[in-house]
Structures are given as C-alpha cells and as structure tokens.
C-alpha atoms as a PDB file:
ATOM      1  CA  MET A   1      -2.841 -25.357  -1.766  1.00  0.00           C
ATOM      2  CA  LEU A   2      -4.564 -22.015  -1.179  1.00  0.00           C
ATOM      3  CA  LYS A   3      -5.424 -19.811  -4.150  1.00  0.00           C
ATOM      4  CA  ILE A   4      -4.454 -16.136  -4.102  1.00  0.00           C
ATOM      5  CA  ALA A   5      -6.093 -13.786  -6.623  1.00  0.00           C
ATOM      6  CA  LEU A   6      -3.613 -11.214  -7.974  1.00  0.00           C
ATOM      7  CA  PRO A   7      -4.015  -8.320 -10.444  1.00  0.00           C
ATOM      8  CA  ASN A   8      -3.240  -9.469 -13.980  1.00  0.00           C
ATOM      9  CA  LYS A   9      -1.760  -6.232 -15.319  1.00  0.00           C
ATOM     10  CA  GLY A  10      -0.737  -2.673 -14.585  1.00  0.00           C
ATOM     11  CA  ARG A  11       1.474  -0.986 -12.013  1.00  0.00           C
ATOM     12  CA  LEU A  12      -0.317  -2.715  -9.143  1.00  0.00           C
ATOM     13  CA  SER A  13       0.423  -6.122 -10.673  1.00  0.00           C
ATOM     14  CA  GLU A  14       4.131  -5.307 -10.945  1.00  0.00           C
ATOM     15  CA  GLU A  15       4.398  -4.161  -7.333  1.00  0.00           C
ATOM     16  CA  VAL A  16       2.486  -7.186  -6.041  1.00  0.00           C
ATOM     17  CA  ARG A  17       4.754  -9.604  -7.910  1.00  0.00           C
ATOM     18  CA  GLU A  18       7.850  -7.829  -6.600  1.00  0.00           C
ATOM     19  CA  LEU A  19       6.561  -8.082  -3.030  1.00  0.00           C
ATOM     20  CA  PHE A  20       5.790 -11.802  -3.293  1.00  0.00           C
ATOM     21  CA  ASN A  21       9.169 -12.490  -4.899  1.00  0.00           C
ATOM     22  CA  ASP A  22      10.963 -10.611  -2.106  1.00  0.00           C
ATOM     23  CA  ALA A  23       8.990 -12.656   0.452  1.00  0.00           C
ATOM     24  CA  GLY A  24      10.367 -15.883  -1.012  1.00  0.00           C
ATOM     25  CA  LEU A  25       7.136 -16.674  -2.853  1.00  0.00           C
ATOM     26  CA  GLU A  26       8.491 -16.445  -6.376  1.00  0.00           C
ATOM     27  CA  VAL A  27       5.841 -16.041  -9.044  1.00  0.00           C
ATOM     28  CA  LYS A  28       6.544 -18.865 -11.502  1.00  0.00           C
ATOM     29  CA  VAL A  29       4.398 -18.656 -14.635  1.00  0.00           C
ATOM     30  CA  ARG A  30       4.363 -21.099 -17.537  1.00  0.00           C
ATOM     31  CA  GLY A  31       4.083 -18.302 -20.094  1.00  0.00           C
ATOM     32  CA  GLU A  32       3.230 -14.625 -20.562  1.00  0.00           C
ATOM     33  CA  ARG A  33      -0.491 -15.367 -20.985  1.00  0.00           C
ATOM     34  CA  ALA A  34      -0.754 -17.925 -18.193  1.00  0.00           C
ATOM     35  CA  LEU A  35      -3.758 -17.385 -15.933  1.00  0.00           C
ATOM     36  CA  THR A  36      -2.256 -19.250 -12.968  1.00  0.00           C
ATOM     37  CA  ALA A  37       1.175 -19.560 -11.386  1.00  0.00           C
ATOM     38  CA  SER A  38       2.964 -21.129  -8.455  1.00  0.00           C
ATOM     39  CA  LEU A  39       3.874 -18.840  -5.574  1.00  0.00           C
ATOM     40  CA  GLY A  40       7.043 -20.443  -4.260  1.00  0.00           C
ATOM     41  CA  GLY A  41       5.340 -23.826  -4.247  1.00  0.00           C
ATOM     42  CA  GLU A  42       3.313 -22.708  -1.199  1.00  0.00           C
ATOM     43  CA  PHE A  43       0.311 -21.063  -2.882  1.00  0.00           C
ATOM     44  CA  GLU A  44      -1.326 -20.907  -6.289  1.00  0.00           C
ATOM     45  CA  ALA A  45      -1.846 -17.508  -7.909  1.00  0.00           C
ATOM     46  CA  ILE A  46      -4.752 -16.780 -10.228  1.00  0.00           C
ATOM     47  CA  PHE A  47      -4.480 -13.655 -12.360  1.00  0.00           C
ATOM     48  CA  VAL A  48      -7.665 -11.627 -12.854  1.00  0.00           C
ATOM     49  CA  ARG A  49      -8.710  -8.002 -13.229  1.00  0.00           C
ATOM     50  CA  ALA A  50      -8.168  -5.991 -10.050  1.00  0.00           C
ATOM     51  CA  GLN A  51     -11.848  -4.980  -9.956  1.00  0.00           C
ATOM     52  CA  ASP A  52     -12.930  -8.648 -10.083  1.00  0.00           C
ATOM     53  CA  ILE A  53     -10.779  -9.802  -7.177  1.00  0.00           C
ATOM     54  CA  PRO A  54     -13.280  -8.893  -4.396  1.00  0.00           C
ATOM     55  CA  GLU A  55     -15.906 -11.036  -6.156  1.00  0.00           C
ATOM     56  CA  PHE A  56     -13.518 -13.976  -6.637  1.00  0.00           C
ATOM     57  CA  VAL A  57     -12.581 -13.945  -2.955  1.00  0.00           C
ATOM     58  CA  ALA A  58     -16.115 -13.399  -1.680  1.00  0.00           C
ATOM     59  CA  ASP A  59     -17.472 -16.237  -3.841  1.00  0.00           C
ATOM     60  CA  GLY A  60     -14.742 -18.669  -2.741  1.00  0.00           C
ATOM     61  CA  ALA A  61     -12.980 -18.944  -6.106  1.00  0.00           C
ATOM     62  CA  ALA A  62      -9.881 -17.675  -4.273  1.00  0.00           C
ATOM     63  CA  ASP A  63      -8.929 -17.966  -0.602  1.00  0.00           C
ATOM     64  CA  ALA A  64      -7.404 -14.479  -0.520  1.00  0.00           C
ATOM     65  CA  GLY A  65      -6.522 -11.682  -2.896  1.00  0.00           C
ATOM     66  CA  VAL A  66      -4.662  -8.434  -3.388  1.00  0.00           C
ATOM     67  CA  THR A  67      -6.431  -5.388  -4.801  1.00  0.00           C
ATOM     68  CA  GLY A  68      -7.179  -1.736  -4.078  1.00  0.00           C
ATOM     69  CA  TRP A  69      -9.291  -0.912  -1.034  1.00  0.00           C
ATOM     70  CA  ASP A  70     -11.424   1.365  -3.215  1.00  0.00           C
ATOM     71  CA  LEU A  71     -12.435  -1.667  -5.299  1.00  0.00           C
ATOM     72  CA  VAL A  72     -13.181  -3.704  -2.165  1.00  0.00           C
ATOM     73  CA  CYS A  73     -15.458  -0.950  -0.844  1.00  0.00           C
ATOM     74  CA  GLU A  74     -17.152  -0.516  -4.221  1.00  0.00           C
ATOM     75  CA  SER A  75     -17.913  -4.246  -4.425  1.00  0.00           C
ATOM     76  CA  GLY A  76     -19.988  -4.134  -1.231  1.00  0.00           C
ATOM     77  CA  ARG A  77     -18.977  -7.712  -0.424  1.00  0.00           C
ATOM     78  CA  GLU A  78     -18.329  -9.031   3.103  1.00  0.00           C
ATOM     79  CA  LEU A  79     -14.520  -9.201   3.175  1.00  0.00           C
ATOM     80  CA  VAL A  80     -11.824  -8.664   5.797  1.00  0.00           C
ATOM     81  CA  GLN A  81      -8.556  -6.832   5.426  1.00  0.00           C
ATOM     82  CA  LEU A  82      -5.595  -8.980   6.461  1.00  0.00           C
ATOM     83  CA  MET A  83      -3.023  -6.241   5.913  1.00  0.00           C
ATOM     84  CA  ASP A  84      -2.265  -2.957   4.190  1.00  0.00           C
ATOM     85  CA  LEU A  85       0.521  -3.493   1.640  1.00  0.00           C
ATOM     86  CA  GLU A  86       1.409   0.225   1.747  1.00  0.00           C
ATOM     87  CA  PHE A  87       1.642   0.826  -2.003  1.00  0.00           C
ATOM     88  CA  GLY A  88      -0.822   1.900  -4.677  1.00  0.00           C
ATOM     89  CA  ARG A  89      -1.943   4.744  -2.426  1.00  0.00           C
ATOM     90  CA  CYS A  90      -4.667   6.986  -3.837  1.00  0.00           C
ATOM     91  CA  ARG A  91      -7.862   8.799  -2.857  1.00  0.00           C
ATOM     92  CA  LEU A  92     -11.385   8.649  -4.215  1.00  0.00           C
ATOM     93  CA  VAL A  93     -12.387  12.306  -4.249  1.00  0.00           C
ATOM     94  CA  VAL A  94     -15.230  14.621  -5.169  1.00  0.00           C
ATOM     95  CA  ALA A  95     -14.126  17.250  -7.677  1.00  0.00           C
ATOM     96  CA  ALA A  96     -15.809  20.179  -9.413  1.00  0.00           C
ATOM     97  CA  ARG A  97     -14.863  22.665 -12.128  1.00  0.00           C
ATOM     98  CA  GLU A  98     -12.839  25.628 -10.860  1.00  0.00           C
ATOM     99  CA  GLU A  99     -15.497  28.071 -12.087  1.00  0.00           C
ATOM    100  CA  SER A 100     -18.438  26.089 -10.682  1.00  0.00           C
ATOM    101  CA  GLY A 101     -18.499  27.965  -7.368  1.00  0.00           C
ATOM    102  CA  ILE A 102     -18.353  24.639  -5.502  1.00  0.00           C
ATOM    103  CA  GLU A 103     -15.485  24.897  -3.024  1.00  0.00           C
ATOM    104  CA  LYS A 104     -16.646  22.449  -0.351  1.00  0.00           C
ATOM    105  CA  LEU A 105     -19.069  19.557  -0.021  1.00  0.00           C
ATOM    106  CA  GLU A 106     -21.694  21.776   1.571  1.00  0.00           C
ATOM    107  CA  ASP A 107     -21.871  23.713  -1.702  1.00  0.00           C
ATOM    108  CA  VAL A 108     -23.193  20.638  -3.561  1.00  0.00           C
ATOM    109  CA  LYS A 109     -26.906  21.267  -4.047  1.00  0.00           C
ATOM    110  CA  ASP A 110     -29.632  18.624  -4.255  1.00  0.00           C
ATOM    111  CA  GLY A 111     -30.249  17.349  -7.773  1.00  0.00           C
ATOM    112  CA  VAL A 112     -26.627  17.736  -8.878  1.00  0.00           C
ATOM    113  CA  ARG A 113     -25.435  15.143 -11.414  1.00  0.00           C
ATOM    114  CA  VAL A 114     -22.313  13.232 -10.334  1.00  0.00           C
ATOM    115  CA  ALA A 115     -20.259  11.245 -12.854  1.00  0.00           C
ATOM    116  CA  SER A 116     -18.258   8.268 -11.553  1.00  0.00           C
ATOM    117  CA  SER A 117     -17.301   4.675 -12.238  1.00  0.00           C
ATOM    118  CA  PHE A 118     -17.668   4.120  -8.473  1.00  0.00           C
ATOM    119  CA  THR A 119     -21.451   4.314  -8.472  1.00  0.00           C
ATOM    120  CA  ARG A 120     -22.050   2.426  -5.207  1.00  0.00           C
ATOM    121  CA  LEU A 121     -19.549   4.431  -3.154  1.00  0.00           C
ATOM    122  CA  THR A 122     -20.722   7.695  -4.686  1.00  0.00           C
ATOM    123  CA  ALA A 123     -24.404   7.026  -3.936  1.00  0.00           C
ATOM    124  CA  GLU A 124     -23.661   5.855  -0.379  1.00  0.00           C
ATOM    125  CA  PHE A 125     -21.397   8.836   0.317  1.00  0.00           C
ATOM    126  CA  PHE A 126     -23.951  11.490  -0.590  1.00  0.00           C
ATOM    127  CA  THR A 127     -26.842   9.562   0.956  1.00  0.00           C
ATOM    128  CA  LYS A 128     -25.033   9.455   4.303  1.00  0.00           C
ATOM    129  CA  ARG A 129     -24.506  13.203   4.028  1.00  0.00           C
ATOM    130  CA  GLY A 130     -28.207  13.729   3.383  1.00  0.00           C
ATOM    131  CA  GLN A 131     -27.569  15.144  -0.093  1.00  0.00           C
ATOM    132  CA  GLN A 132     -29.747  13.996  -2.991  1.00  0.00           C
ATOM    133  CA  VAL A 133     -27.722  13.625  -6.186  1.00  0.00           C
ATOM    134  CA  THR A 134     -28.085  11.772  -9.473  1.00  0.00           C
ATOM    135  CA  VAL A 135     -25.210   9.380 -10.149  1.00  0.00           C
ATOM    136  CA  VAL A 136     -24.159   9.166 -13.809  1.00  0.00           C
ATOM    137  CA  PRO A 137     -22.232   5.924 -14.505  1.00  0.00           C
ATOM    138  CA  VAL A 138     -19.094   6.342 -16.649  1.00  0.00           C
ATOM    139  CA  SER A 139     -16.402   3.814 -17.471  1.00  0.00           C
ATOM    140  CA  GLY A 140     -13.466   6.096 -18.153  1.00  0.00           C
ATOM    141  CA  ALA A 141     -12.212   9.664 -18.742  1.00  0.00           C
ATOM    142  CA  THR A 142     -14.333  10.864 -15.829  1.00  0.00           C
ATOM    143  CA  GLU A 143     -12.547  14.248 -15.764  1.00  0.00           C
ATOM    144  CA  ILE A 144     -14.135  15.298 -19.067  1.00  0.00           C
ATOM    145  CA  ALA A 145     -17.729  14.812 -17.850  1.00  0.00           C
ATOM    146  CA  PRO A 146     -18.232  18.328 -16.374  1.00  0.00           C
ATOM    147  CA  HIS A 147     -16.756  19.950 -19.494  1.00  0.00           C
ATOM    148  CA  LEU A 148     -19.186  18.068 -21.737  1.00  0.00           C
ATOM    149  CA  GLY A 149     -22.203  18.866 -19.578  1.00  0.00           C
ATOM    150  CA  ILE A 150     -22.708  15.193 -18.714  1.00  0.00           C
ATOM    151  CA  ALA A 151     -22.411  15.949 -15.000  1.00  0.00           C
ATOM    152  CA  ASP A 152     -21.840  18.862 -12.649  1.00  0.00           C
ATOM    153  CA  ILE A 153     -19.197  17.173 -10.489  1.00  0.00           C
ATOM    154  CA  ILE A 154     -17.264  13.910 -10.483  1.00  0.00           C
ATOM    155  CA  VAL A 155     -16.044  11.272  -8.063  1.00  0.00           C
ATOM    156  CA  ASP A 156     -12.738   9.837  -9.248  1.00  0.00           C
ATOM    157  CA  LEU A 157      -9.410   8.409  -8.096  1.00  0.00           C
ATOM    158  CA  THR A 158      -6.339  10.586  -7.705  1.00  0.00           C
ATOM    159  CA  SER A 159      -2.916  10.135  -6.156  1.00  0.00           C
ATOM    160  CA  THR A 160      -1.401  13.620  -6.435  1.00  0.00           C
ATOM    161  CA  GLY A 161      -4.302  15.674  -7.748  1.00  0.00           C
ATOM    162  CA  SER A 162      -2.247  16.867 -10.735  1.00  0.00           C
ATOM    163  CA  THR A 163      -4.543  15.332 -13.379  1.00  0.00           C
ATOM    164  CA  LEU A 164      -7.573  17.013 -11.826  1.00  0.00           C
ATOM    165  CA  LYS A 165      -5.835  20.405 -11.795  1.00  0.00           C
ATOM    166  CA  MET A 166      -4.676  19.899 -15.379  1.00  0.00           C
ATOM    167  CA  ASN A 167      -8.308  19.468 -16.383  1.00  0.00           C
ATOM    168  CA  GLY A 168      -9.531  22.523 -14.483  1.00  0.00           C
ATOM    169  CA  LEU A 169     -11.013  20.609 -11.560  1.00  0.00           C
ATOM    170  CA  ARG A 170     -10.845  21.324  -7.825  1.00  0.00           C
ATOM    171  CA  GLU A 171     -10.995  18.705  -5.053  1.00  0.00           C
ATOM    172  CA  VAL A 172     -13.818  19.448  -2.617  1.00  0.00           C
ATOM    173  CA  GLY A 173     -13.932  16.270  -0.514  1.00  0.00           C
ATOM    174  CA  THR A 174     -12.590  12.759   0.018  1.00  0.00           C
ATOM    175  CA  VAL A 175     -14.804   9.674  -0.221  1.00  0.00           C
ATOM    176  CA  VAL A 176     -12.251   7.024   0.761  1.00  0.00           C
ATOM    177  CA  GLN A 177      -8.491   6.589   1.217  1.00  0.00           C
ATOM    178  CA  SER A 178      -7.149   3.594  -0.674  1.00  0.00           C
ATOM    179  CA  SER A 179      -4.071   1.412  -1.080  1.00  0.00           C
ATOM    180  CA  ALA A 180      -3.350  -2.206  -1.999  1.00  0.00           C
ATOM    181  CA  ARG A 181      -4.712  -4.614   0.636  1.00  0.00           C
ATOM    182  CA  LEU A 182      -4.529  -8.349   1.259  1.00  0.00           C
ATOM    183  CA  ILE A 183      -8.129  -9.472   1.712  1.00  0.00           C
ATOM    184  CA  ALA A 184      -9.998 -12.682   2.589  1.00  0.00           C
ATOM    185  CA  ARG A 185     -13.524 -13.872   3.333  1.00  0.00           C
ATOM    186  CA  LYS A 186     -14.829 -13.397   6.863  1.00  0.00           C
ATOM    187  CA  ASP A 187     -15.778 -17.063   7.011  1.00  0.00           C
ATOM    188  CA  HIS A 188     -12.685 -18.627   5.449  1.00  0.00           C
ATOM    189  CA  ALA A 189     -11.986 -22.217   6.489  1.00  0.00           C
ATOM    190  CA  PRO A 190     -10.122 -22.708   9.800  1.00  0.00           C
ATOM    191  CA  GLU A 191      -7.417 -24.743   8.061  1.00  0.00           C
ATOM    192  CA  ALA A 192      -6.731 -21.727   5.829  1.00  0.00           C
ATOM    193  CA  SER A 193      -6.208 -19.371   8.772  1.00  0.00           C
ATOM    194  CA  ALA A 194      -2.754 -20.690   9.667  1.00  0.00           C
ATOM    195  CA  LYS A 195      -1.517 -20.469   6.065  1.00  0.00           C
ATOM    196  CA  LEU A 196      -2.911 -16.962   5.639  1.00  0.00           C
ATOM    197  CA  GLU A 197      -1.249 -15.911   8.903  1.00  0.00           C
ATOM    198  CA  GLU A 198       2.076 -17.250   7.580  1.00  0.00           C
ATOM    199  CA  LEU A 199       1.544 -15.321   4.348  1.00  0.00           C
ATOM    200  CA  THR A 200       0.748 -12.127   6.234  1.00  0.00           C
ATOM    201  CA  GLN A 201       3.876 -12.461   8.374  1.00  0.00           C
ATOM    202  CA  ALA A 202       6.071 -13.117   5.322  1.00  0.00           C
ATOM    203  CA  LEU A 203       4.772 -10.060   3.459  1.00  0.00           C
ATOM    204  CA  SER A 204       4.907  -7.896   6.610  1.00  0.00           C
ATOM    205  CA  SER A 205       8.564  -8.783   7.178  1.00  0.00           C
ATOM    206  CA  VAL A 206       9.460  -7.562   3.684  1.00  0.00           C
ATOM    207  CA  LEU A 207       7.513  -4.317   4.074  1.00  0.00           C
ATOM    208  CA  ALA A 208       9.079  -3.686   7.493  1.00  0.00           C
ATOM    209  CA  ALA A 209      12.556  -4.021   5.962  1.00  0.00           C
ATOM    210  CA  ARG A 210      11.939  -1.526   3.182  1.00  0.00           C
ATOM    211  CA  GLY A 211      13.462   1.842   3.919  1.00  0.00           C
ATOM    212  CA  LYS A 212      15.744   0.330   6.586  1.00  0.00           C
ATOM    213  CA  ARG A 213      19.469  -0.486   6.634  1.00  0.00           C
ATOM    214  CA  TYR A 214      21.586  -2.629   8.948  1.00  0.00           C
ATOM    215  CA  LEU A 215      24.600  -0.695  10.208  1.00  0.00           C
ATOM    216  CA  MET A 216      27.688  -2.043  11.982  1.00  0.00           C
ATOM    217  CA  ALA A 217      30.565   0.006  13.345  1.00  0.00           C
ATOM    218  CA  ASN A 218      33.598  -0.226  15.626  1.00  0.00           C
ATOM    219  CA  VAL A 219      33.059   2.340  18.361  1.00  0.00           C
ATOM    220  CA  PRO A 220      35.490   3.708  20.966  1.00  0.00           C
ATOM    221  CA  ARG A 221      34.054   2.698  24.321  1.00  0.00           C
ATOM    222  CA  ARG A 222      34.382   6.251  25.673  1.00  0.00           C
ATOM    223  CA  VAL A 223      31.962   7.687  23.060  1.00  0.00           C
ATOM    224  CA  LEU A 224      29.341   4.948  23.456  1.00  0.00           C
ATOM    225  CA  PRO A 225      26.792   7.267  25.175  1.00  0.00           C
ATOM    226  CA  GLY A 226      26.909   9.619  22.188  1.00  0.00           C
ATOM    227  CA  VAL A 227      26.577   6.736  19.721  1.00  0.00           C
ATOM    228  CA  ARG A 228      23.453   5.506  21.516  1.00  0.00           C
ATOM    229  CA  GLU A 229      21.829   8.848  20.719  1.00  0.00           C
ATOM    230  CA  VAL A 230      22.800   8.568  17.039  1.00  0.00           C
ATOM    231  CA  LEU A 231      21.727   4.909  16.721  1.00  0.00           C
ATOM    232  CA  PRO A 232      18.489   4.322  18.618  1.00  0.00           C
ATOM    233  CA  GLY A 233      17.694   1.180  16.566  1.00  0.00           C
ATOM    234  CA  LEU A 234      14.552  -0.845  17.230  1.00  0.00           C
ATOM    235  CA  ASN A 235      15.239  -1.274  20.949  1.00  0.00           C
ATOM    236  CA  GLY A 236      18.550   0.560  21.088  1.00  0.00           C
ATOM    237  CA  PRO A 237      21.784  -0.533  19.362  1.00  0.00           C
ATOM    238  CA  THR A 238      23.317  -3.937  20.057  1.00  0.00           C
ATOM    239  CA  VAL A 239      26.737  -3.537  21.682  1.00  0.00           C
ATOM    240  CA  VAL A 240      29.286  -6.375  21.553  1.00  0.00           C
ATOM    241  CA  ASP A 241      32.630  -6.303  23.366  1.00  0.00           C
ATOM    242  CA  VAL A 242      35.710  -6.590  21.165  1.00  0.00           C
ATOM    243  CA  GLN A 243      38.381  -8.641  22.885  1.00  0.00           C
ATOM    244  CA  GLY A 244      41.636  -6.899  23.749  1.00  0.00           C
ATOM    245  CA  GLY A 245      40.837  -3.323  22.833  1.00  0.00           C
ATOM    246  CA  ASP A 246      39.153  -0.058  23.668  1.00  0.00           C
ATOM    247  CA  PHE A 247      36.520  -0.564  20.942  1.00  0.00           C
ATOM    248  CA  VAL A 248      33.096  -2.213  20.969  1.00  0.00           C
ATOM    249  CA  ALA A 249      31.105  -3.430  17.966  1.00  0.00           C
ATOM    250  CA  VAL A 250      27.753  -1.700  17.571  1.00  0.00           C
ATOM    251  CA  HIS A 251      24.931  -3.024  15.363  1.00  0.00           C
ATOM    252  CA  ALA A 252      21.677  -1.192  14.655  1.00  0.00           C
ATOM    253  CA  VAL A 253      18.784  -0.897  12.224  1.00  0.00           C
ATOM    254  CA  VAL A 254      18.559   2.650  10.877  1.00  0.00           C
ATOM    255  CA  PRO A 255      16.324   4.536   8.379  1.00  0.00           C
ATOM    256  CA  ALA A 256      17.811   4.507   4.879  1.00  0.00           C
ATOM    257  CA  LYS A 257      16.787   8.130   4.270  1.00  0.00           C
ATOM    258  CA  SER A 258      19.033   9.362   7.086  1.00  0.00           C
ATOM    259  CA  ILE A 259      21.994   7.025   6.541  1.00  0.00           C
ATOM    260  CA  TYR A 260      24.223   9.789   5.122  1.00  0.00           C
ATOM    261  CA  ARG A 261      23.917  11.957   8.235  1.00  0.00           C
ATOM    262  CA  THR A 262      24.149   8.921  10.514  1.00  0.00           C
ATOM    263  CA  ILE A 263      27.503   7.894   9.037  1.00  0.00           C
ATOM    264  CA  ALA A 264      28.804  11.467   9.261  1.00  0.00           C
ATOM    265  CA  ALA A 265      27.799  11.665  12.948  1.00  0.00           C
ATOM    266  CA  LEU A 266      29.515   8.342  13.717  1.00  0.00           C
ATOM    267  CA  LYS A 267      32.710   9.437  11.969  1.00  0.00           C
ATOM    268  CA  ASN A 268      32.710  12.664  13.989  1.00  0.00           C
ATOM    269  CA  LEU A 269      32.540  10.548  17.159  1.00  0.00           C
ATOM    270  CA  GLY A 270      35.613   8.573  16.084  1.00  0.00           C
ATOM    271  CA  CYS A 271      33.874   5.377  14.906  1.00  0.00           C
ATOM    272  CA  GLU A 272      35.682   3.124  12.433  1.00  0.00           C
ATOM    273  CA  GLY A 273      34.943   0.206  10.114  1.00  0.00           C
ATOM    274  CA  ILE A 274      31.420   1.356   9.383  1.00  0.00           C
ATOM    275  CA  LEU A 275      29.473  -1.146   7.273  1.00  0.00           C
ATOM    276  CA  VAL A 276      25.944  -0.668   5.901  1.00  0.00           C
ATOM    277  CA  THR A 277      23.897  -3.443   4.282  1.00  0.00           C
ATOM    278  CA  ARG A 278      20.371  -3.856   2.961  1.00  0.00           C
ATOM    279  CA  ILE A 279      17.798  -5.856   4.917  1.00  0.00           C
ATOM    280  CA  GLU A 280      15.647  -8.410   3.096  1.00  0.00           C
ATOM    281  CA  ARG A 281      13.277  -9.120   5.981  1.00  0.00           C
ATOM    282  CA  LEU A 282      12.595  -7.670   9.408  1.00  0.00           C
ATOM    283  CA  MET A 283      10.460  -9.418  11.987  1.00  0.00           C
ATOM    284  CA  PRO A 284       9.693  -6.918  14.775  1.00  0.00           C
END
C-alpha cells in the first residue's frame, strides 16, 4: 500500500482531505491526533507539516505527497509534479516599503538586506538576476522586518496582496507562482507508477467536475440549432430522440457560473422540463 504524505493542519489540510473524500478515497483516522489514516483502503496517509513533505517524499518515507509548490522549490529536492490541484494559490513576491523608492526589481541595489523564510529561493532569485543581496532568515511576521530596520525589503507569500498593503508594503516582483501540487520522486518504483496514475486520474476527475453542472432539457426539434449555440457542452450537446413527439432530449455539461443565463435562454427558445444536477466526477 503506497504512502501519501498530507498536510497535518491548516486550510491546505482541509482542502486536501475534501478532495480525497470526493475522489472516493475517504480519509479514515483512528482519532484526532492520529498520524496515519487509510485513504479509502487504497493508500495510507501520513500527516506531517506541509514544509516537511518534500523531504519525506524525496527520502522515500512517502511515495507521494501534497504540498505547496513554493515549499517544493524551497526544498531544492529532485521531485516531479504529478498534477496541479488548483487550490491554495499564492505568490512568493518581493516587497518594499511604500516610501523606500523601490518600485521595480531594477531599483534593488547591491548590498540590500532581504528578510524571508524562503532563504534558498530568495538567494537563487537575486543571484540569477546578478544582484548581490544579504538574505536575513526570519521564521514569521516577515512584513514587520522593514519597519524594524532588520531588512530593506522582504520576500514573502501573498494571495491577494492585501496584507502587504495593510503594512505599507508594495509588491515589486514575483519569485514564484504557487498552488497545491501532487508530487513524487523522479525515481519512484515502477510498480508504484500505475497506482499513482490511478490516483492522479481520480483526483483530476473531481477537479474537472468542479464548477460544472449536468443539464437536461426537452427541446422542440425546430429550435435545436439555437439550442446548440446555447449548450456547446464538451463536444456539443447530446441529442436523443423522444418517441412520438416533436421534442428531443438534450443533455450537456455547462459552467455553473452561467447556469442562470443558460436556463433563461433555453426557456426563451421554448424548452421544457429543464433539470440541472451536480457532477461528482468528469473524465474528459
């Protein structure tokens, strides 16, 4: 049974558990403080800190893991991305005080002190740019560093940028774009490849279904050309003849965010018996 390293706490942990549950890999723990769990009887989960997951996977303690791409890059370990889970999106950015006069990366002068908990990524980023800076390691509250004179600028994570603005900081560059990723070793055992491919497909099918709805409607045959424009679906709507009538049954997958307007357009075309349901999985 393959071991999958998962975050043990926080928002990322909650979203990961929800995804696995929706994929039919229910997280069954023996208690609140359990360090391991069954994933639908197909895999074994081990719960560790998100920042430790790249090390666990790289060292073979786990066959795969889920953590932020920023943490994978910071670890410097040889790992492969199996898939982007599309949540936990954030950016590792360079930021400076509003009154610092630094408005772009080119304004960062040699010798500047940069505070960050991402010391490896920070050093590599400025080295590649040919800028000589001094990296100041911090473990938390990075935004306060420029105000205390600990550093001139910072490199920190942000999702909306609101916390930086609240603390009088301006974004001047992006180091890396991040989100939750399913990762594995480059040299994982051949027998693990098939199981990891199955896992990837299961999780992908859940993600593909999110934000989609399955719509069915009885459509007058004469307005079918207009309905095809309203319901493009994945490869166009599925049309099924209804015996003994002037109607056909149309089925299609549609974006949830536009379902209100879609229904209104179908009603205006004379469609009846419109039914909309959620989709648990979608295999393209």
